[in-house]
C-alpha cells in the first residue's frame, strides 16, 4: 500500500521573527532572485497575504503572483512588502574602497 504524504507549507513553520530572519537570510545568500521572491512570499503568507496587501496598498492576487517562483517583483514591491513585515533590506557590511 502506498504511503500518503501530507502537504507541507513552510509558511506554517515561520512563527518567530528570528526564524523569519534566518529563512530570508538563507534565501538572500543564494543570490537567486526567484528564490528570494518565493521566500518573501512564504514569509508574507505566514503573516497573512490580505494583511500584507492592505499594509502595502497592493493587490493581494498580484502579490501572490509577484512573490512566487515565476514572479518578478519590482524593488518597490519588495521594499513595500519588507516594510509591512517590519523588515529592512540593508547590506550586512560594506567593503572599504581599496
N, C-alpha and C. Protein backbone atom coordinates (compact mmCIF):
# COMPACT_ATOMS: atom_id res chain seq x y z
N UNK A 1 0.84 -1.18 0.00
CA UNK A 1 0.00 0.00 0.00
C UNK A 1 0.89 1.25 0.00
N UNK A 2 0.53 2.21 -0.83
CA UNK A 2 1.30 3.43 -0.95
C UNK A 2 1.13 4.29 0.31
N UNK A 3 2.21 4.92 0.70
CA UNK A 3 2.19 5.79 1.87
C UNK A 3 1.67 7.16 1.46
N UNK A 4 0.75 7.72 2.23
CA UNK A 4 0.20 9.03 1.93
C UNK A 4 1.09 10.10 2.56
N UNK A 5 1.51 11.05 1.73
CA UNK A 5 2.32 12.17 2.21
C UNK A 5 1.43 13.39 2.38
N UNK A 6 1.71 14.15 3.39
CA UNK A 6 0.95 15.36 3.66
C UNK A 6 1.66 16.56 3.05
N UNK A 7 0.87 17.55 2.65
CA UNK A 7 1.44 18.79 2.12
C UNK A 7 2.09 19.55 3.27
N UNK A 8 3.23 20.12 2.99
CA UNK A 8 3.94 20.93 3.98
C UNK A 8 4.01 22.36 3.45
N UNK A 9 3.54 23.28 4.23
CA UNK A 9 3.61 24.69 3.86
C UNK A 9 4.58 25.37 4.82
N UNK A 10 5.71 25.82 4.28
CA UNK A 10 6.72 26.46 5.11
C UNK A 10 6.18 27.67 5.86
N UNK A 11 5.18 28.32 5.30
CA UNK A 11 4.60 29.49 5.97
C UNK A 11 4.06 29.13 7.36
N UNK A 12 3.59 27.90 7.50
CA UNK A 12 3.07 27.46 8.80
C UNK A 12 4.17 27.30 9.84
N UNK A 13 5.41 27.15 9.40
CA UNK A 13 6.52 26.93 10.32
C UNK A 13 7.20 28.23 10.76
N UNK A 14 6.93 29.31 10.05
CA UNK A 14 7.58 30.59 10.36
C UNK A 14 6.75 31.33 11.40
N UNK A 15 7.05 31.07 12.65
CA UNK A 15 6.25 31.64 13.74
C UNK A 15 6.98 32.68 14.57
N UNK A 16 8.28 32.88 14.31
CA UNK A 16 9.02 33.87 15.09
C UNK A 16 9.80 34.80 14.16
N UNK A 17 10.04 36.00 14.63
CA UNK A 17 10.80 36.97 13.84
C UNK A 17 12.23 36.45 13.59
N UNK A 18 12.80 35.79 14.59
CA UNK A 18 14.15 35.23 14.42
C UNK A 18 14.16 34.16 13.32
N UNK A 19 13.16 33.32 13.32
CA UNK A 19 13.06 32.28 12.29
C UNK A 19 12.90 32.88 10.91
N UNK A 20 12.09 33.93 10.82
CA UNK A 20 11.88 34.61 9.54
C UNK A 20 13.18 35.23 9.05
N UNK A 21 13.93 35.85 9.94
CA UNK A 21 15.20 36.48 9.55
C UNK A 21 16.19 35.44 9.03
N UNK A 22 16.28 34.30 9.69
CA UNK A 22 17.19 33.24 9.24
C UNK A 22 16.73 32.71 7.88
N UNK A 23 15.43 32.49 7.74
CA UNK A 23 14.86 31.98 6.49
C UNK A 23 15.18 32.92 5.33
N UNK A 24 14.97 34.23 5.54
CA UNK A 24 15.25 35.20 4.47
C UNK A 24 16.75 35.38 4.23
N UNK A 25 17.54 35.34 5.29
CA UNK A 25 18.99 35.46 5.12
C UNK A 25 19.52 34.32 4.24
N UNK A 26 19.02 33.11 4.49
CA UNK A 26 19.43 31.97 3.67
C UNK A 26 19.02 32.18 2.21
N UNK A 27 17.83 32.72 2.00
CA UNK A 27 17.37 32.97 0.63
C UNK A 27 18.24 34.02 -0.05
N UNK A 28 18.56 35.11 0.65
CA UNK A 28 19.38 36.16 0.06
C UNK A 28 20.80 35.67 -0.23
N UNK A 29 21.31 34.76 0.57
CA UNK A 29 22.65 34.23 0.33
C UNK A 29 22.76 33.48 -0.99
N UNK A 30 21.65 32.97 -1.50
CA UNK A 30 21.70 32.24 -2.77
C UNK A 30 21.96 33.19 -3.93
N UNK A 31 21.55 34.44 -3.79
CA UNK A 31 21.70 35.39 -4.89
C UNK A 31 20.73 35.14 -6.03
N UNK A 32 19.79 34.23 -5.84
CA UNK A 32 18.82 33.85 -6.87
C UNK A 32 17.54 34.66 -6.66
N UNK A 33 17.25 35.58 -7.58
CA UNK A 33 16.11 36.48 -7.43
C UNK A 33 14.79 35.73 -7.30
N UNK A 34 14.61 34.67 -8.06
CA UNK A 34 13.37 33.89 -7.99
C UNK A 34 13.22 33.23 -6.62
N UNK A 35 14.33 32.70 -6.11
CA UNK A 35 14.29 32.06 -4.78
C UNK A 35 13.99 33.09 -3.69
N UNK A 36 14.58 34.26 -3.80
CA UNK A 36 14.34 35.33 -2.83
C UNK A 36 12.88 35.77 -2.87
N UNK A 37 12.33 35.95 -4.07
CA UNK A 37 10.93 36.35 -4.20
C UNK A 37 10.02 35.29 -3.61
N UNK A 38 10.31 34.03 -3.88
CA UNK A 38 9.50 32.94 -3.34
C UNK A 38 9.57 32.93 -1.81
N UNK A 39 10.77 33.09 -1.26
CA UNK A 39 10.94 33.10 0.20
C UNK A 39 10.18 34.27 0.81
N UNK A 40 10.23 35.42 0.19
CA UNK A 40 9.50 36.58 0.68
C UNK A 40 8.00 36.30 0.63
N UNK A 41 7.56 35.60 -0.40
CA UNK A 41 6.15 35.22 -0.49
C UNK A 41 5.74 34.27 0.62
N UNK A 42 6.62 33.33 0.97
CA UNK A 42 6.34 32.41 2.07
C UNK A 42 6.18 33.18 3.37
N UNK A 43 7.07 34.13 3.60
CA UNK A 43 7.00 34.95 4.82
C UNK A 43 5.72 35.78 4.83
N UNK A 44 5.38 36.37 3.69
CA UNK A 44 4.15 37.16 3.60
C UNK A 44 2.93 36.29 3.90
N UNK A 45 2.91 35.07 3.37
CA UNK A 45 1.80 34.17 3.66
C UNK A 45 1.75 33.79 5.13
N UNK A 46 2.92 33.70 5.76
CA UNK A 46 2.95 33.35 7.19
C UNK A 46 2.29 34.44 8.04
N UNK A 47 2.33 35.65 7.56
CA UNK A 47 1.73 36.79 8.28
C UNK A 47 0.31 37.08 7.81
N UNK A 48 -0.07 36.51 6.66
CA UNK A 48 -1.40 36.75 6.10
C UNK A 48 -1.30 37.68 4.90
N UNK A 49 -1.50 37.13 3.71
CA UNK A 49 -1.34 37.92 2.49
C UNK A 49 -2.32 39.08 2.42
N UNK A 50 -3.53 38.90 2.95
CA UNK A 50 -4.50 40.01 2.95
C UNK A 50 -4.00 41.16 3.81
N UNK A 51 -3.42 40.83 4.94
CA UNK A 51 -2.87 41.85 5.84
C UNK A 51 -1.72 42.59 5.15
N UNK A 52 -0.86 41.85 4.46
CA UNK A 52 0.28 42.47 3.76
C UNK A 52 -0.23 43.34 2.60
N UNK A 53 -1.25 42.86 1.89
CA UNK A 53 -1.82 43.63 0.78
C UNK A 53 -2.38 44.96 1.30
N UNK A 54 -3.09 44.91 2.41
CA UNK A 54 -3.65 46.13 2.99
C UNK A 54 -2.54 47.08 3.42
N UNK A 55 -1.52 46.55 4.07
CA UNK A 55 -0.42 47.39 4.57
C UNK A 55 0.38 48.03 3.45
N UNK A 56 0.49 47.34 2.32
CA UNK A 56 1.29 47.86 1.21
C UNK A 56 0.46 48.65 0.21
N UNK A 57 -0.87 48.47 0.25
CA UNK A 57 -1.71 49.11 -0.74
C UNK A 57 -1.67 48.40 -2.08
N UNK A 58 -1.14 47.18 -2.09
CA UNK A 58 -1.03 46.40 -3.32
C UNK A 58 -2.12 45.34 -3.37
N UNK A 59 -2.44 44.90 -4.56
CA UNK A 59 -3.45 43.88 -4.78
C UNK A 59 -2.96 42.52 -4.30
N UNK A 60 -3.79 41.82 -3.53
CA UNK A 60 -3.41 40.53 -2.96
C UNK A 60 -3.03 39.52 -4.04
N UNK A 61 -3.84 39.42 -5.09
CA UNK A 61 -3.56 38.46 -6.16
C UNK A 61 -2.24 38.79 -6.86
N UNK A 62 -1.97 40.07 -7.05
CA UNK A 62 -0.71 40.48 -7.67
C UNK A 62 0.48 40.15 -6.76
N UNK A 63 0.29 40.28 -5.45
CA UNK A 63 1.36 39.91 -4.52
C UNK A 63 1.66 38.41 -4.62
N UNK A 64 0.60 37.60 -4.65
CA UNK A 64 0.80 36.15 -4.79
C UNK A 64 1.61 35.86 -6.06
N UNK A 65 1.25 36.51 -7.16
CA UNK A 65 1.94 36.29 -8.43
C UNK A 65 3.39 36.79 -8.37
N UNK A 66 3.59 38.00 -7.88
CA UNK A 66 4.93 38.59 -7.83
C UNK A 66 5.87 37.82 -6.92
N UNK A 67 5.33 37.33 -5.80
CA UNK A 67 6.16 36.66 -4.79
C UNK A 67 6.10 35.14 -4.94
N UNK A 68 6.14 34.71 -6.18
CA UNK A 68 6.16 33.27 -6.47
C UNK A 68 7.43 32.95 -7.27
N UNK A 69 7.65 31.69 -7.51
CA UNK A 69 8.82 31.27 -8.28
C UNK A 69 8.81 31.76 -9.71
N UNK A 70 7.64 32.13 -10.22
CA UNK A 70 7.56 32.63 -11.59
C UNK A 70 7.40 34.14 -11.63
N UNK A 71 7.27 34.76 -10.46
CA UNK A 71 7.09 36.21 -10.39
C UNK A 71 8.42 36.95 -10.50
N UNK A 72 8.31 38.24 -10.66
CA UNK A 72 9.48 39.09 -10.74
C UNK A 72 9.11 40.45 -10.13
N UNK A 73 9.06 40.51 -8.78
CA UNK A 73 8.61 41.76 -8.15
C UNK A 73 9.59 42.90 -8.39
N UNK A 74 9.03 44.09 -8.49
CA UNK A 74 9.88 45.26 -8.60
C UNK A 74 10.54 45.52 -7.25
N UNK A 75 11.56 46.32 -7.25
CA UNK A 75 12.20 46.69 -5.99
C UNK A 75 11.20 47.44 -5.11
N UNK A 76 10.36 48.24 -5.71
CA UNK A 76 9.34 48.97 -4.97
C UNK A 76 8.40 48.01 -4.24
N UNK A 77 7.96 46.96 -4.92
CA UNK A 77 7.09 45.95 -4.30
C UNK A 77 7.84 45.22 -3.19
N UNK A 78 9.06 44.83 -3.47
CA UNK A 78 9.87 44.11 -2.48
C UNK A 78 10.05 44.93 -1.22
N UNK A 79 10.39 46.21 -1.38
CA UNK A 79 10.59 47.07 -0.22
C UNK A 79 9.29 47.31 0.54
N UNK A 80 8.18 47.45 -0.18
CA UNK A 80 6.88 47.66 0.48
C UNK A 80 6.50 46.44 1.30
N UNK A 81 6.72 45.25 0.76
CA UNK A 81 6.40 44.02 1.49
C UNK A 81 7.31 43.88 2.70
N UNK A 82 8.59 44.15 2.53
CA UNK A 82 9.51 44.04 3.65
C UNK A 82 9.16 45.04 4.75
N UNK A 83 8.75 46.24 4.37
CA UNK A 83 8.34 47.24 5.37
C UNK A 83 7.09 46.75 6.11
N UNK A 84 6.14 46.18 5.38
CA UNK A 84 4.92 45.66 6.00
C UNK A 84 5.23 44.51 6.96
N UNK A 85 6.32 43.80 6.68
CA UNK A 85 6.75 42.69 7.54
C UNK A 85 7.67 43.17 8.66
N UNK A 86 7.90 44.49 8.74
CA UNK A 86 8.79 45.09 9.72
C UNK A 86 10.22 44.58 9.55
N UNK A 87 10.63 44.46 8.28
CA UNK A 87 11.99 44.05 7.94
C UNK A 87 12.62 45.13 7.07
N UNK A 88 13.94 45.15 7.02
CA UNK A 88 14.61 46.12 6.16
C UNK A 88 15.59 45.39 5.26
N UNK A 89 15.91 46.03 4.17
CA UNK A 89 16.87 45.49 3.22
C UNK A 89 18.11 46.36 3.29
N UNK A 90 19.17 45.81 3.86
CA UNK A 90 20.40 46.57 4.02
C UNK A 90 21.58 45.63 3.90
N UNK A 91 22.69 46.11 3.37
CA UNK A 91 23.87 45.24 3.28
C UNK A 91 24.35 44.87 4.68
N UNK A 92 24.80 43.63 4.81
CA UNK A 92 25.30 43.15 6.11
C UNK A 92 26.53 43.94 6.53
N UNK A 93 27.41 44.18 5.60
CA UNK A 93 28.58 45.00 5.89
C UNK A 93 29.07 45.59 4.59
N UNK A 94 29.63 46.75 4.68
CA UNK A 94 30.14 47.44 3.49
C UNK A 94 31.64 47.20 3.38
N UNK A 95 32.08 46.99 2.16
CA UNK A 95 33.51 46.81 1.92
C UNK A 95 34.17 48.17 1.80
N UNK A 96 35.36 48.27 2.32
CA UNK A 96 36.11 49.54 2.21
C UNK A 96 36.71 49.63 0.82
N UNK A 97 36.72 50.84 0.30
CA UNK A 97 37.31 51.09 -1.02
C UNK A 97 38.81 50.86 -0.95
N UNK A 98 39.36 50.27 -1.98
CA UNK A 98 40.80 49.98 -2.00
C UNK A 98 41.61 51.20 -2.36
